[in-house]
Amino acid sequence: MRVLVVEDQTKIARALEAAFVREGAEVVTFPDGETGLQLALAESFDALVLDIMLPGRDGLDVLRALRARHRTIPVLLLSARGEVDERIRGLDLGADDYLPKPFVLAEVVARVKALVRRGVPLDATRLTVADLSLDLLRHEARRGSTRLDLSPRELRLLEYLVRANERTCTRDELHERVWDYPPGYDPGSNVIQVAITRLREKVDAPFKHKLIHTVFAEGYALRLKS
């Protein structure tokens, strides 16, 4: 696997490079969007890890230029906390996945490997598992033809579980990624359990096949089988 990392924060870029190298990947890193774009156009890579906030040419402009030239390289966007609008714009421009900072290195590697395994880019604005579908542009979720009445937080939680690609999501991870709590912060409540219970009432309870599963002592996963 050959991966291009375009990230201007040296510490993060080096950590990403080391994580991919441990998995046997060849990694090329660049700190600016313009150089990253030219390399992505000139050479062959299996995946691109692209920060949104870059000096000179930002990540969204790099992504726009790649897709305008019909380059289908899978792209994982990295974005600072709070850049929700930028992430949605990135998906609309053709990104295949995104992660907010701070992130877990193992998750970045796992998501990139999943994108490479798929072989072809998916419709980045629509996610599907069995009869569950999410439309990220319309902020809608459906089971079959039935529209699910989800709050914005429930939709965000469901999206995160779907994007985990059957991986178990820990409670700490969901606190950070869905509720935006700082790393290590304990809200001292059962907020995750309550949210999962409510989500199940809407996503699973009315339907035969259950998708949201509890993984004992670990967390939660969205998959076809428990």
Foldseek 3Di string as FASTA:
>chain_A
DEEEEAAQPVVVQVVLCVLVVVVVYHYDYHDALVVSLVCPVVDDGQAYEAEQDGPPQGRQNSLLVCVVVVNFRAYEYEYEPPVVVVVLSSLVSPHQYYAYPPDDSVQVNVLSVVSSVVVTGDNSQWFDAQQWIAGNVVRWIDRNPHTFDDDSLLSLVVVVQRSSVFDFAFPQNCCCGRVVDPRPDDPPDVVVVVSVVVSCVGPPPVDDFGFWDADPPGHIHGHRDD
